């Protein structure tokens, strides 16, 4: 798999790279075509991933969802200190 080159975060450098790509000075890297099998499995993954969290939350009790949210908030705040 070819990973496309990321543009710089600095706005001036990003603008410079965009101009170079648009004028044809540098070729923009594009992702290769997917095989039919790869496309099928990617779509299958997106289909299941899109409903996974919602379905999981729907099947949980309010008490369990609250506990998970508290643990997540605690972990976020702990990481910032």
N, C-alpha and C. Protein backbone atom coordinates (compact mmCIF):
# COMPACT_ATOMS: atom_id res chain seq x y z
N UNK A 1 0.84 -1.18 0.00
CA UNK A 1 0.00 0.00 0.00
C UNK A 1 0.88 1.24 0.00
N UNK A 2 0.59 2.18 -0.86
CA UNK A 2 1.34 3.42 -0.93
C UNK A 2 0.67 4.44 -0.03
N UNK A 3 1.42 4.98 0.90
CA UNK A 3 0.88 5.98 1.80
C UNK A 3 1.12 7.35 1.17
N UNK A 4 0.07 8.15 0.93
CA UNK A 4 0.27 9.45 0.31
C UNK A 4 1.06 10.37 1.22
N UNK A 5 1.85 11.23 0.61
CA UNK A 5 2.66 12.17 1.37
C UNK A 5 1.75 13.17 2.08
N UNK A 6 1.98 13.38 3.33
CA UNK A 6 1.18 14.33 4.08
C UNK A 6 1.70 15.74 3.82
N UNK A 7 0.79 16.68 3.76
CA UNK A 7 1.19 18.07 3.59
C UNK A 7 1.68 18.60 4.93
N UNK A 8 2.62 19.56 4.90
CA UNK A 8 3.14 20.13 6.15
C UNK A 8 2.04 20.84 6.94
N UNK A 9 2.23 20.94 8.23
CA UNK A 9 1.25 21.61 9.09
C UNK A 9 1.37 23.13 8.99
N UNK A 10 2.59 23.62 8.75
CA UNK A 10 2.81 25.06 8.64
C UNK A 10 2.05 25.59 7.42
N UNK A 11 1.29 26.67 7.61
CA UNK A 11 0.43 27.15 6.52
C UNK A 11 1.23 27.62 5.31
N UNK A 12 2.38 28.25 5.52
CA UNK A 12 3.19 28.71 4.39
C UNK A 12 3.77 27.53 3.61
N UNK A 13 4.28 26.55 4.31
CA UNK A 13 4.84 25.37 3.64
C UNK A 13 3.74 24.59 2.94
N UNK A 14 2.57 24.51 3.56
CA UNK A 14 1.44 23.81 2.95
C UNK A 14 1.04 24.50 1.65
N UNK A 15 0.93 25.83 1.68
CA UNK A 15 0.57 26.57 0.48
C UNK A 15 1.61 26.36 -0.62
N UNK A 16 2.88 26.36 -0.26
CA UNK A 16 3.95 26.13 -1.22
C UNK A 16 3.82 24.76 -1.87
N UNK A 17 3.55 23.74 -1.08
CA UNK A 17 3.39 22.38 -1.62
C UNK A 17 2.17 22.28 -2.53
N UNK A 18 1.08 22.93 -2.15
CA UNK A 18 -0.13 22.91 -2.96
C UNK A 18 0.12 23.57 -4.31
N UNK A 19 0.85 24.69 -4.32
CA UNK A 19 1.18 25.37 -5.57
C UNK A 19 2.07 24.47 -6.43
N UNK A 20 3.04 23.81 -5.82
CA UNK A 20 3.93 22.93 -6.58
C UNK A 20 3.14 21.78 -7.21
N UNK A 21 2.19 21.23 -6.46
CA UNK A 21 1.37 20.13 -6.99
C UNK A 21 0.47 20.63 -8.11
N UNK A 22 -0.16 21.79 -7.90
CA UNK A 22 -1.12 22.30 -8.90
C UNK A 22 -0.43 22.75 -10.18
N UNK A 23 0.82 23.20 -10.11
CA UNK A 23 1.53 23.61 -11.32
C UNK A 23 2.20 22.45 -12.02
N UNK A 24 2.18 21.29 -11.40
CA UNK A 24 2.77 20.11 -12.03
C UNK A 24 4.25 19.95 -11.77
N UNK A 25 4.81 20.80 -10.93
CA UNK A 25 6.24 20.69 -10.60
C UNK A 25 6.52 19.39 -9.85
N UNK A 26 5.57 19.00 -9.02
CA UNK A 26 5.67 17.77 -8.26
C UNK A 26 4.39 16.97 -8.49
N UNK A 27 4.52 15.68 -8.67
CA UNK A 27 3.35 14.83 -8.87
C UNK A 27 2.70 14.54 -7.52
N UNK A 28 1.39 14.68 -7.43
CA UNK A 28 0.68 14.32 -6.21
C UNK A 28 0.55 12.80 -6.17
N UNK A 29 0.85 12.22 -5.02
CA UNK A 29 0.74 10.77 -4.88
C UNK A 29 -0.72 10.40 -4.70
N UNK A 30 -1.14 9.41 -5.44
CA UNK A 30 -2.53 8.95 -5.34
C UNK A 30 -2.53 7.52 -4.83
N UNK A 31 -3.63 7.15 -4.23
CA UNK A 31 -3.76 5.79 -3.73
C UNK A 31 -3.99 4.84 -4.89
N UNK A 32 -3.42 3.66 -4.83
CA UNK A 32 -3.64 2.70 -5.91
C UNK A 32 -5.08 2.18 -5.88
N UNK A 33 -5.51 1.64 -7.01
CA UNK A 33 -6.85 1.08 -7.10
C UNK A 33 -6.96 -0.13 -6.18
N UNK A 34 -8.11 -0.27 -5.57
CA UNK A 34 -8.34 -1.42 -4.69
C UNK A 34 -8.78 -2.61 -5.51
N UNK A 35 -8.43 -3.78 -5.04
CA UNK A 35 -8.92 -4.99 -5.68
C UNK A 35 -10.38 -5.16 -5.29
N UNK A 36 -11.14 -5.91 -6.05
CA UNK A 36 -12.56 -6.12 -5.70
C UNK A 36 -12.73 -6.74 -4.31
N UNK A 37 -11.84 -7.65 -3.96
CA UNK A 37 -11.94 -8.29 -2.64
C UNK A 37 -11.69 -7.26 -1.54
N UNK A 38 -10.67 -6.42 -1.73
CA UNK A 38 -10.35 -5.40 -0.75
C UNK A 38 -11.50 -4.40 -0.60
N UNK A 39 -12.10 -4.01 -1.73
CA UNK A 39 -13.22 -3.08 -1.69
C UNK A 39 -14.41 -3.68 -0.95
N UNK A 40 -14.66 -4.96 -1.20
CA UNK A 40 -15.77 -5.63 -0.55
C UNK A 40 -15.59 -5.66 0.97
N UNK A 41 -14.39 -6.04 1.41
CA UNK A 41 -14.15 -6.12 2.85
C UNK A 41 -14.12 -4.74 3.51
N UNK A 42 -13.67 -3.74 2.79
CA UNK A 42 -13.68 -2.38 3.33
C UNK A 42 -15.11 -1.91 3.56
N UNK A 43 -15.97 -2.19 2.57
CA UNK A 43 -17.37 -1.80 2.72
C UNK A 43 -18.04 -2.58 3.84
N UNK A 44 -17.73 -3.84 3.94
CA UNK A 44 -18.29 -4.67 5.00
C UNK A 44 -17.87 -4.14 6.37
N UNK A 45 -16.62 -3.72 6.51
CA UNK A 45 -16.14 -3.17 7.77
C UNK A 45 -16.81 -1.86 8.12
N UNK A 46 -17.00 -1.00 7.12
CA UNK A 46 -17.68 0.27 7.37
C UNK A 46 -19.12 0.04 7.79
N UNK A 47 -19.76 -0.92 7.17
CA UNK A 47 -21.16 -1.22 7.48
C UNK A 47 -21.31 -1.65 8.93
N UNK A 48 -20.46 -2.54 9.38
CA UNK A 48 -20.55 -3.01 10.76
C UNK A 48 -20.06 -1.98 11.76
N UNK A 49 -19.02 -1.23 11.38
CA UNK A 49 -18.46 -0.23 12.28
C UNK A 49 -19.40 0.93 12.53
N UNK A 50 -20.21 1.26 11.54
CA UNK A 50 -21.10 2.41 11.66
C UNK A 50 -22.20 2.17 12.69
N UNK A 51 -22.63 0.93 12.84
CA UNK A 51 -23.72 0.66 13.77
C UNK A 51 -23.24 0.04 15.07
N UNK A 52 -21.97 -0.31 15.17
CA UNK A 52 -21.46 -1.04 16.32
C UNK A 52 -21.64 -0.33 17.65
N UNK A 53 -21.18 0.91 17.74
CA UNK A 53 -21.26 1.65 19.00
C UNK A 53 -22.68 1.95 19.41
N UNK A 54 -23.50 2.31 18.45
CA UNK A 54 -24.90 2.63 18.75
C UNK A 54 -25.63 1.39 19.26
N UNK A 55 -25.39 0.28 18.59
CA UNK A 55 -26.04 -0.97 19.00
C UNK A 55 -25.58 -1.39 20.38
N UNK A 56 -24.27 -1.23 20.63
CA UNK A 56 -23.72 -1.61 21.93
C UNK A 56 -24.34 -0.76 23.04
N UNK A 57 -24.44 0.56 22.78
CA UNK A 57 -25.03 1.46 23.78
C UNK A 57 -26.51 1.15 24.01
N UNK A 58 -27.19 0.77 22.94
CA UNK A 58 -28.61 0.45 23.06
C UNK A 58 -28.84 -0.78 23.94
N UNK A 59 -27.91 -1.74 23.86
CA UNK A 59 -28.05 -2.97 24.62
C UNK A 59 -27.58 -2.85 26.07
N UNK A 60 -26.91 -1.75 26.42
CA UNK A 60 -26.40 -1.57 27.79
C UNK A 60 -27.42 -0.88 28.67
N UNK A 61 -27.29 -1.10 29.95
CA UNK A 61 -28.14 -0.39 30.90
C UNK A 61 -27.60 1.02 31.08
N UNK A 62 -28.46 1.90 31.59
CA UNK A 62 -28.05 3.29 31.83
C UNK A 62 -26.91 3.34 32.84
N UNK A 63 -26.96 2.47 33.84
CA UNK A 63 -25.92 2.43 34.87
C UNK A 63 -24.56 2.07 34.26
N UNK A 64 -24.55 1.08 33.35
CA UNK A 64 -23.31 0.64 32.71
C UNK A 64 -22.75 1.75 31.81
N UNK A 65 -23.62 2.43 31.04
CA UNK A 65 -23.17 3.53 30.17
C UNK A 65 -22.58 4.65 30.99
N UNK A 66 -23.20 4.95 32.13
CA UNK A 66 -22.70 6.00 33.01
C UNK A 66 -21.32 5.64 33.55
N UNK A 67 -21.14 4.40 33.96
CA UNK A 67 -19.85 3.95 34.49
C UNK A 67 -18.76 4.05 33.43
N UNK A 68 -19.07 3.64 32.20
CA UNK A 68 -18.09 3.72 31.11
C UNK A 68 -17.73 5.17 30.83
N UNK A 69 -18.72 6.06 30.84
CA UNK A 69 -18.46 7.48 30.60
C UNK A 69 -17.59 8.07 31.70
N UNK A 70 -17.84 7.70 32.94
CA UNK A 70 -17.02 8.20 34.06
C UNK A 70 -15.58 7.72 33.93
N UNK A 71 -15.41 6.44 33.58
CA UNK A 71 -14.06 5.90 33.41
C UNK A 71 -13.32 6.62 32.28
N UNK A 72 -14.02 6.90 31.20
CA UNK A 72 -13.41 7.59 30.07
C UNK A 72 -13.00 9.01 30.45
N UNK A 73 -13.88 9.71 31.17
CA UNK A 73 -13.56 11.07 31.60
C UNK A 73 -12.37 11.06 32.56
N UNK A 74 -12.35 10.10 33.46
CA UNK A 74 -11.24 9.99 34.41
C UNK A 74 -9.92 9.76 33.66
N UNK A 75 -9.96 8.89 32.65
CA UNK A 75 -8.75 8.60 31.87
C UNK A 75 -8.29 9.83 31.10
N UNK A 76 -9.23 10.60 30.56
CA UNK A 76 -8.85 11.81 29.81
C UNK A 76 -8.19 12.82 30.72
N UNK A 77 -8.77 13.05 31.88
CA UNK A 77 -8.21 14.03 32.79
C UNK A 77 -6.89 13.57 33.38
N UNK A 78 -6.76 12.28 33.60
CA UNK A 78 -5.52 11.75 34.13
C UNK A 78 -4.37 11.95 33.14
N UNK A 79 -4.65 11.80 31.86
CA UNK A 79 -3.62 11.93 30.83
C UNK A 79 -3.15 13.37 30.71
N UNK A 80 -3.98 14.35 31.02
CA UNK A 80 -3.61 15.76 30.87
C UNK A 80 -2.71 16.27 31.98
N UNK A 81 -2.69 15.59 33.10
CA UNK A 81 -1.89 16.07 34.23
C UNK A 81 -0.45 15.76 34.06
